[in-house]
């Protein structure tokens, strides 16, 4: 649960901003039933508490020439000491890796990678991923088609 107590108006603000983060404060206030000043105060509180972590544009991967998405499972040699830390530090500098998760199961880390094509992934794999600190195994899964992507977070679990 969030450390900040969220009421019905806060949840409406969050839902509205997830639908359209470009709403002006006046538009947002109107949508959630507040006047602009209290609405802006609430948004600032949500930002300062870290509930709103940022505002982003959703770009089209295909239109930008990043037509291949690869999910990469990586095992590291050791799970303690400097090895996992070195891997975590190095992966931050790989721009084609758009997400990295520490996971349980067959892999230690699950990466989401976007590249123009298979040749670009081969170059990334051989030139970068296999050379990351502590890597002992890599398994790649290629997305055939994306059925669901970047959707608003569900808010129904928050206390009323």
Protein backbone atom coordinates (compact mmCIF):
# COMPACT_ATOMS: atom_id res chain seq x y z
CA UNK A 1 0.00 0.00 0.00
CA UNK A 2 1.20 3.53 -0.65
CA UNK A 3 2.56 5.41 2.34
CA UNK A 4 0.34 8.36 1.42
CA UNK A 5 -3.35 7.93 2.25
CA UNK A 6 -5.24 8.32 -1.01
CA UNK A 7 -8.88 9.38 -1.09
CA UNK A 8 -11.43 9.17 -3.91
CA UNK A 9 -10.32 12.51 -5.39
CA UNK A 10 -6.66 11.40 -5.42
CA UNK A 11 -7.66 8.20 -7.22
CA UNK A 12 -9.64 10.25 -9.78
CA UNK A 13 -6.60 12.49 -10.32
CA UNK A 14 -4.34 9.48 -10.85
CA UNK A 15 -6.78 7.81 -13.24
CA UNK A 16 -7.22 11.01 -15.26
CA UNK A 17 -3.48 11.64 -15.53
CA UNK A 18 -2.86 8.04 -16.60
CA UNK A 19 -5.41 8.51 -19.41
CA UNK A 20 -3.96 11.87 -20.45
CA UNK A 21 -0.92 13.35 -18.69
CA UNK A 22 -1.19 16.46 -20.89
CA UNK A 23 -4.35 17.70 -19.18
CA UNK A 24 -3.98 21.26 -17.99
CA UNK A 25 -4.55 21.81 -14.29
CA UNK A 26 -7.85 23.54 -15.10
CA UNK A 27 -9.00 20.57 -17.22
CA UNK A 28 -7.90 18.10 -14.54
CA UNK A 29 -9.63 20.08 -11.79
CA UNK A 30 -12.84 20.17 -13.81
CA UNK A 31 -12.67 16.43 -14.48
CA UNK A 32 -12.21 15.49 -10.81
CA UNK A 33 -14.59 18.09 -9.39
CA UNK A 34 -12.19 20.50 -7.70
CA UNK A 35 -11.21 24.10 -8.21
CA UNK A 36 -7.75 24.57 -9.78
CA UNK A 37 -5.79 25.57 -6.65
CA UNK A 38 -6.72 22.54 -4.49
CA UNK A 39 -6.25 20.27 -7.52
CA UNK A 40 -2.73 21.60 -8.12
CA UNK A 41 -1.89 21.18 -4.42
CA UNK A 42 -3.01 17.54 -4.54
CA UNK A 43 -0.98 16.84 -7.68
CA UNK A 44 2.11 18.39 -6.06
CA UNK A 45 1.60 16.23 -2.95
CA UNK A 46 1.27 13.11 -5.13
CA UNK A 47 4.46 14.06 -7.00
CA UNK A 48 6.43 14.81 -3.82
CA UNK A 49 5.30 11.51 -2.25
CA UNK A 50 6.54 9.65 -5.33
CA UNK A 51 3.08 8.35 -6.25
CA UNK A 52 3.41 10.28 -9.53
CA UNK A 53 6.91 9.33 -10.62
CA UNK A 54 6.98 11.34 -13.85
CA UNK A 55 5.26 12.21 -17.10
CA UNK A 56 6.21 10.52 -20.36
CA UNK A 57 5.26 10.41 -24.02
CA UNK A 58 4.33 6.97 -25.35
CA UNK A 59 6.37 6.66 -28.55
CA UNK A 60 5.72 4.19 -31.37
CA UNK A 61 8.56 1.66 -31.48
CA UNK A 62 7.74 0.67 -35.05
CA UNK A 63 7.63 4.25 -36.33
CA UNK A 64 11.04 4.84 -34.71
CA UNK A 65 12.58 1.79 -36.37
CA UNK A 66 12.64 -0.39 -33.25
CA UNK A 67 10.50 -3.19 -34.66
CA UNK A 68 11.90 -6.13 -32.70
CA UNK A 69 11.27 -6.67 -28.99
CA UNK A 70 13.31 -9.35 -27.22
CA UNK A 71 12.86 -10.68 -23.70
CA UNK A 72 16.24 -11.81 -22.45
CA UNK A 73 16.73 -14.05 -19.42
CA UNK A 74 20.19 -13.70 -17.90
CA UNK A 75 21.85 -15.87 -15.29
CA UNK A 76 24.79 -14.55 -13.34
CA UNK A 77 27.63 -16.63 -11.90
CA UNK A 78 27.17 -15.59 -8.29
CA UNK A 79 24.21 -14.21 -6.37
CA UNK A 80 26.25 -12.51 -3.66
CA UNK A 81 29.18 -10.14 -3.40
CA UNK A 82 30.13 -7.77 -6.19
CA UNK A 83 28.94 -9.86 -9.19
CA UNK A 84 25.24 -8.94 -9.14
CA UNK A 85 26.08 -5.33 -8.29
CA UNK A 86 28.50 -5.09 -11.21
CA UNK A 87 25.84 -6.49 -13.55
CA UNK A 88 23.19 -4.06 -12.24
CA UNK A 89 25.56 -1.13 -12.68
CA UNK A 90 26.59 -2.15 -16.22
CA UNK A 91 23.05 -2.77 -17.48
CA UNK A 92 22.10 0.84 -16.67
CA UNK A 93 24.34 1.99 -19.53
CA UNK A 94 22.78 -0.24 -22.23
CA UNK A 95 20.25 2.05 -23.92
CA UNK A 96 18.55 -0.70 -25.95
CA UNK A 97 17.56 -2.38 -22.67
CA UNK A 98 14.34 -0.56 -21.79
CA UNK A 99 13.52 -2.63 -18.69
CA UNK A 100 15.48 -4.88 -16.35
CA UNK A 101 13.92 -6.94 -13.57
CA UNK A 102 15.48 -9.09 -10.86
CA UNK A 103 13.38 -12.26 -11.05
CA UNK A 104 13.08 -15.71 -9.53
CA UNK A 105 12.99 -18.84 -11.67
CA UNK A 106 15.28 -19.99 -14.43
CA UNK A 107 16.89 -16.57 -14.92
CA UNK A 108 18.22 -14.06 -12.42
CA UNK A 109 17.40 -11.01 -14.51
CA UNK A 110 14.78 -10.48 -17.20
CA UNK A 111 15.51 -7.75 -19.73
CA UNK A 112 13.22 -6.14 -22.27
CA UNK A 113 15.24 -5.09 -25.29
CA UNK A 114 14.16 -3.11 -28.37
CA UNK A 115 16.22 -3.21 -31.57
CA UNK A 116 15.62 -2.52 -35.26
CA UNK A 117 16.00 -6.13 -36.37
CA UNK A 118 17.59 -9.52 -35.74
CA UNK A 119 21.00 -8.38 -36.99
CA UNK A 120 20.99 -5.52 -34.48
CA UNK A 121 20.06 -7.95 -31.69
CA UNK A 122 22.90 -10.26 -32.70
CA UNK A 123 25.30 -7.32 -32.48
CA UNK A 124 23.95 -6.34 -29.05
CA UNK A 125 24.10 -9.93 -27.82
CA UNK A 126 27.65 -10.64 -28.97
CA UNK A 127 29.08 -7.18 -28.46
CA UNK A 128 27.45 -6.22 -25.17
CA UNK A 129 25.19 -8.66 -23.33
CA UNK A 130 27.60 -11.62 -23.35
CA UNK A 131 30.32 -9.31 -22.04
CA UNK A 132 28.38 -7.95 -19.08
CA UNK A 133 29.98 -8.71 -15.69
CA UNK A 134 29.12 -12.12 -14.22
CA UNK A 135 26.91 -13.36 -17.07
CA UNK A 136 26.88 -17.16 -17.25
CA UNK A 137 23.85 -17.84 -19.49
CA UNK A 138 21.51 -15.94 -21.80
CA UNK A 139 18.14 -17.08 -23.18
CA UNK A 140 16.32 -14.93 -25.73
CA UNK A 141 12.60 -14.88 -26.50
CA UNK A 142 11.35 -12.83 -29.42
CA UNK A 143 8.00 -11.06 -29.37
CA UNK A 144 5.92 -12.08 -32.38
CA UNK A 145 3.17 -9.53 -31.73
CA UNK A 146 2.37 -7.24 -28.83
CA UNK A 147 -1.18 -7.73 -27.59
CA UNK A 148 -1.12 -5.39 -24.58
CA UNK A 149 1.34 -2.68 -23.76
CA UNK A 150 1.70 0.33 -21.48
CA UNK A 151 -1.72 0.52 -19.92
CA UNK A 152 -2.85 2.49 -16.90
CA UNK A 153 -2.03 0.86 -13.58
CA UNK A 154 -5.07 -0.66 -11.87
CA UNK A 155 -6.23 1.42 -8.90
CA UNK A 156 -9.13 -0.74 -7.72
CA UNK A 157 -7.06 -2.36 -4.97
CA UNK A 158 -6.55 0.96 -3.15
CA UNK A 159 -8.65 1.39 0.00
CA UNK A 160 -11.86 3.33 -0.43
